[in-house]
């Protein structure tokens, strides 16, 4: 079984995106992600975005290089980029949700570094990723 990898980052759109442009971006991402076994979520607050995506390491790095090379956004700030024991968003080729500025701020200021649990050597879920899971779970209940 190949190692799974996850990346979380924020960025700012160079130009405001209307709903049609965002829908086109999501359609393209979902198609690419399905073909490459990538899952994840994209949060939007105005021109600011946070994305978490996960899958086989080679595919994740390929997606990330596409993202870094895009001229549609700037100020890419990486929070997490490492192997993970399991998928966090396995049901979503690319889920999408609106977030308030304060929600995005809370998520982006959470602790995201990779650590190991000192108690039992099991993989440690960074608090930022745990917060993102809770945020996503709450959004899904409110649909």
C-alpha atoms as a PDB file:
ATOM      1  CA  UNK A   1       0.000   0.000   0.000  1.00  0.00           C
ATOM      2  CA  UNK A   2       1.550   3.341  -1.027  1.00  0.00           C
ATOM      3  CA  UNK A   3       2.153   5.980   1.605  1.00  0.00           C
ATOM      4  CA  UNK A   4      -0.512   8.634   1.903  1.00  0.00           C
ATOM      5  CA  UNK A   5       0.527  12.263   1.941  1.00  0.00           C
ATOM      6  CA  UNK A   6      -1.382  15.402   2.927  1.00  0.00           C
ATOM      7  CA  UNK A   7      -0.837  19.098   2.269  1.00  0.00           C
ATOM      8  CA  UNK A   8      -2.694  22.044   3.791  1.00  0.00           C
ATOM      9  CA  UNK A   9      -2.104  25.595   2.609  1.00  0.00           C
ATOM     10  CA  UNK A  10      -3.760  28.990   2.310  1.00  0.00           C
ATOM     11  CA  UNK A  11      -3.596  31.434  -0.573  1.00  0.00           C
ATOM     12  CA  UNK A  12      -5.208  34.604  -1.853  1.00  0.00           C
ATOM     13  CA  UNK A  13      -6.854  34.890  -5.265  1.00  0.00           C
ATOM     14  CA  UNK A  14      -5.214  37.517  -7.468  1.00  0.00           C
ATOM     15  CA  UNK A  15      -8.659  38.541  -8.776  1.00  0.00           C
ATOM     16  CA  UNK A  16     -12.028  37.975  -7.121  1.00  0.00           C
ATOM     17  CA  UNK A  17     -13.677  34.781  -8.339  1.00  0.00           C
ATOM     18  CA  UNK A  18     -17.342  34.705  -9.201  1.00  0.00           C
ATOM     19  CA  UNK A  19     -19.391  31.572  -8.543  1.00  0.00           C
ATOM     20  CA  UNK A  20     -19.008  30.362 -12.141  1.00  0.00           C
ATOM     21  CA  UNK A  21     -15.224  30.612 -11.994  1.00  0.00           C
ATOM     22  CA  UNK A  22     -15.155  28.807  -8.652  1.00  0.00           C
ATOM     23  CA  UNK A  23     -17.444  26.077 -10.020  1.00  0.00           C
ATOM     24  CA  UNK A  24     -15.125  25.627 -13.035  1.00  0.00           C
ATOM     25  CA  UNK A  25     -12.087  25.426 -10.753  1.00  0.00           C
ATOM     26  CA  UNK A  26     -13.805  22.811  -8.576  1.00  0.00           C
ATOM     27  CA  UNK A  27     -14.932  20.773 -11.593  1.00  0.00           C
ATOM     28  CA  UNK A  28     -11.382  20.703 -12.954  1.00  0.00           C
ATOM     29  CA  UNK A  29      -9.953  19.802  -9.524  1.00  0.00           C
ATOM     30  CA  UNK A  30     -12.510  17.046  -8.950  1.00  0.00           C
ATOM     31  CA  UNK A  31     -11.836  15.452 -12.330  1.00  0.00           C
ATOM     32  CA  UNK A  32      -8.066  15.567 -11.832  1.00  0.00           C
ATOM     33  CA  UNK A  33      -8.365  14.337  -8.235  1.00  0.00           C
ATOM     34  CA  UNK A  34     -10.554  11.347  -9.135  1.00  0.00           C
ATOM     35  CA  UNK A  35      -8.043  10.276 -11.780  1.00  0.00           C
ATOM     36  CA  UNK A  36      -5.181  10.585  -9.257  1.00  0.00           C
ATOM     37  CA  UNK A  37      -6.865   9.187  -6.100  1.00  0.00           C
ATOM     38  CA  UNK A  38      -6.764  12.599  -4.379  1.00  0.00           C
ATOM     39  CA  UNK A  39      -9.354  13.647  -1.797  1.00  0.00           C
ATOM     40  CA  UNK A  40      -9.741  16.861   0.146  1.00  0.00           C
ATOM     41  CA  UNK A  41     -11.597  20.080   0.820  1.00  0.00           C
ATOM     42  CA  UNK A  42     -11.387  23.718  -0.228  1.00  0.00           C
ATOM     43  CA  UNK A  43     -12.603  26.521   2.022  1.00  0.00           C
ATOM     44  CA  UNK A  44     -13.263  30.026   0.721  1.00  0.00           C
ATOM     45  CA  UNK A  45     -13.631  33.319   2.534  1.00  0.00           C
ATOM     46  CA  UNK A  46     -13.746  36.210   0.075  1.00  0.00           C
ATOM     47  CA  UNK A  47     -10.489  36.062  -1.900  1.00  0.00           C
ATOM     48  CA  UNK A  48      -8.840  33.799   0.689  1.00  0.00           C
ATOM     49  CA  UNK A  49      -8.713  30.037   0.429  1.00  0.00           C
ATOM     50  CA  UNK A  50      -7.572  27.108   2.540  1.00  0.00           C
ATOM     51  CA  UNK A  51      -7.146  23.715   0.944  1.00  0.00           C
ATOM     52  CA  UNK A  52      -6.367  20.293   2.352  1.00  0.00           C
ATOM     53  CA  UNK A  53      -5.707  17.471  -0.078  1.00  0.00           C
ATOM     54  CA  UNK A  54      -4.416  13.950   0.415  1.00  0.00           C
ATOM     55  CA  UNK A  55      -3.562  10.811  -1.474  1.00  0.00           C
ATOM     56  CA  UNK A  56      -0.587   8.898  -2.859  1.00  0.00           C
ATOM     57  CA  UNK A  57       2.534  10.988  -2.290  1.00  0.00           C
ATOM     58  CA  UNK A  58       3.563  11.270  -5.945  1.00  0.00           C
ATOM     59  CA  UNK A  59       0.078  12.420  -6.990  1.00  0.00           C
ATOM     60  CA  UNK A  60      -0.180  14.894  -4.105  1.00  0.00           C
ATOM     61  CA  UNK A  61       3.174  16.431  -5.005  1.00  0.00           C
ATOM     62  CA  UNK A  62       2.082  16.662  -8.658  1.00  0.00           C
ATOM     63  CA  UNK A  63      -1.092  18.516  -7.616  1.00  0.00           C
ATOM     64  CA  UNK A  64       0.888  20.809  -5.344  1.00  0.00           C
ATOM     65  CA  UNK A  65       3.290  21.729  -8.145  1.00  0.00           C
ATOM     66  CA  UNK A  66       0.263  22.663 -10.295  1.00  0.00           C
ATOM     67  CA  UNK A  67      -1.029  24.831  -7.446  1.00  0.00           C
ATOM     68  CA  UNK A  68       2.316  26.518  -6.840  1.00  0.00           C
ATOM     69  CA  UNK A  69       2.668  27.239 -10.559  1.00  0.00           C
ATOM     70  CA  UNK A  70      -0.769  28.831 -10.888  1.00  0.00           C
ATOM     71  CA  UNK A  71      -0.895  32.574 -11.491  1.00  0.00           C
ATOM     72  CA  UNK A  72      -4.473  32.754 -10.205  1.00  0.00           C
ATOM     73  CA  UNK A  73      -3.383  33.121  -6.598  1.00  0.00           C
ATOM     74  CA  UNK A  74      -0.584  34.499  -4.475  1.00  0.00           C
ATOM     75  CA  UNK A  75       0.677  34.381  -0.899  1.00  0.00           C
ATOM     76  CA  UNK A  76       0.705  30.587  -0.712  1.00  0.00           C
ATOM     77  CA  UNK A  77       1.445  29.639   2.891  1.00  0.00           C
ATOM     78  CA  UNK A  78       1.991  25.958   3.676  1.00  0.00           C
ATOM     79  CA  UNK A  79       0.802  24.627   7.032  1.00  0.00           C
ATOM     80  CA  UNK A  80       1.276  20.908   6.601  1.00  0.00           C
ATOM     81  CA  UNK A  81       3.145  18.760   4.076  1.00  0.00           C
ATOM     82  CA  UNK A  82       3.827  15.228   5.302  1.00  0.00           C
ATOM     83  CA  UNK A  83       2.819  11.579   5.320  1.00  0.00           C
ATOM     84  CA  UNK A  84      -0.407  10.646   7.066  1.00  0.00           C
ATOM     85  CA  UNK A  85      -1.637   7.244   8.251  1.00  0.00           C
ATOM     86  CA  UNK A  86      -5.110   7.637   6.731  1.00  0.00           C
ATOM     87  CA  UNK A  87      -7.307   9.997   4.758  1.00  0.00           C
ATOM     88  CA  UNK A  88      -9.160  12.749   6.583  1.00  0.00           C
ATOM     89  CA  UNK A  89     -11.613  13.558   3.766  1.00  0.00           C
ATOM     90  CA  UNK A  90     -11.983  10.209   1.998  1.00  0.00           C
ATOM     91  CA  UNK A  91     -15.502  10.926   0.718  1.00  0.00           C
ATOM     92  CA  UNK A  92     -14.596  14.102  -1.160  1.00  0.00           C
ATOM     93  CA  UNK A  93     -12.776  14.373  -4.523  1.00  0.00           C
ATOM     94  CA  UNK A  94     -12.778  18.075  -3.588  1.00  0.00           C
ATOM     95  CA  UNK A  95     -15.370  19.259  -1.136  1.00  0.00           C
ATOM     96  CA  UNK A  96     -16.038  22.975  -0.958  1.00  0.00           C
ATOM     97  CA  UNK A  97     -17.449  25.256   1.726  1.00  0.00           C
ATOM     98  CA  UNK A  98     -17.666  28.926   2.543  1.00  0.00           C
ATOM     99  CA  UNK A  99     -15.938  30.062   5.722  1.00  0.00           C
ATOM    100  CA  UNK A 100     -16.110  33.332   7.598  1.00  0.00           C
ATOM    101  CA  UNK A 101     -12.911  35.365   7.901  1.00  0.00           C
ATOM    102  CA  UNK A 102     -12.734  34.497  11.615  1.00  0.00           C
ATOM    103  CA  UNK A 103     -13.127  30.764  10.901  1.00  0.00           C
ATOM    104  CA  UNK A 104     -10.340  30.864   8.321  1.00  0.00           C
ATOM    105  CA  UNK A 105      -8.182  32.860  10.743  1.00  0.00           C
ATOM    106  CA  UNK A 106      -8.782  30.334  13.543  1.00  0.00           C
ATOM    107  CA  UNK A 107      -7.859  27.442  11.259  1.00  0.00           C
ATOM    108  CA  UNK A 108      -4.773  29.177   9.893  1.00  0.00           C
ATOM    109  CA  UNK A 109      -3.457  30.116  13.327  1.00  0.00           C
ATOM    110  CA  UNK A 110      -3.908  26.616  14.782  1.00  0.00           C
ATOM    111  CA  UNK A 111      -0.934  24.339  15.451  1.00  0.00           C
ATOM    112  CA  UNK A 112      -0.116  22.361  12.273  1.00  0.00           C
ATOM    113  CA  UNK A 113       3.335  20.851  12.795  1.00  0.00           C
ATOM    114  CA  UNK A 114       3.976  17.139  12.476  1.00  0.00           C
ATOM    115  CA  UNK A 115       4.663  15.389  15.767  1.00  0.00           C
ATOM    116  CA  UNK A 116       4.563  11.908  17.228  1.00  0.00           C
ATOM    117  CA  UNK A 117       2.575  11.069  20.284  1.00  0.00           C
ATOM    118  CA  UNK A 118       4.935  10.538  23.179  1.00  0.00           C
ATOM    119  CA  UNK A 119       2.490   8.206  24.898  1.00  0.00           C
ATOM    120  CA  UNK A 120       2.007   5.403  22.400  1.00  0.00           C
ATOM    121  CA  UNK A 121       4.008   6.145  19.223  1.00  0.00           C
ATOM    122  CA  UNK A 122       0.809   6.336  17.190  1.00  0.00           C
ATOM    123  CA  UNK A 123       0.553   9.071  14.571  1.00  0.00           C
ATOM    124  CA  UNK A 124      -0.371  12.440  15.961  1.00  0.00           C
ATOM    125  CA  UNK A 125      -3.121  14.510  14.356  1.00  0.00           C
ATOM    126  CA  UNK A 126      -2.090  18.173  14.439  1.00  0.00           C
ATOM    127  CA  UNK A 127      -4.676  20.349  16.222  1.00  0.00           C
ATOM    128  CA  UNK A 128      -5.133  22.391  13.039  1.00  0.00           C
ATOM    129  CA  UNK A 129      -6.154  19.289  11.087  1.00  0.00           C
ATOM    130  CA  UNK A 130      -8.468  18.210  13.911  1.00  0.00           C
ATOM    131  CA  UNK A 131     -10.083  21.682  13.834  1.00  0.00           C
ATOM    132  CA  UNK A 132     -10.498  21.432  10.059  1.00  0.00           C
ATOM    133  CA  UNK A 133     -12.182  18.018  10.490  1.00  0.00           C
ATOM    134  CA  UNK A 134     -14.619  19.486  13.038  1.00  0.00           C
ATOM    135  CA  UNK A 135     -15.298  22.526  10.830  1.00  0.00           C
ATOM    136  CA  UNK A 136     -16.019  20.272   7.848  1.00  0.00           C
ATOM    137  CA  UNK A 137     -18.198  17.937   9.875  1.00  0.00           C
ATOM    138  CA  UNK A 138     -20.272  20.885  11.158  1.00  0.00           C
ATOM    139  CA  UNK A 139     -20.676  22.267   7.612  1.00  0.00           C
ATOM    140  CA  UNK A 140     -21.912  18.889   6.360  1.00  0.00           C
ATOM    141  CA  UNK A 141     -24.556  18.692   9.085  1.00  0.00           C
ATOM    142  CA  UNK A 142     -25.871  22.129   8.103  1.00  0.00           C
ATOM    143  CA  UNK A 143     -26.398  21.262   4.418  1.00  0.00           C
END
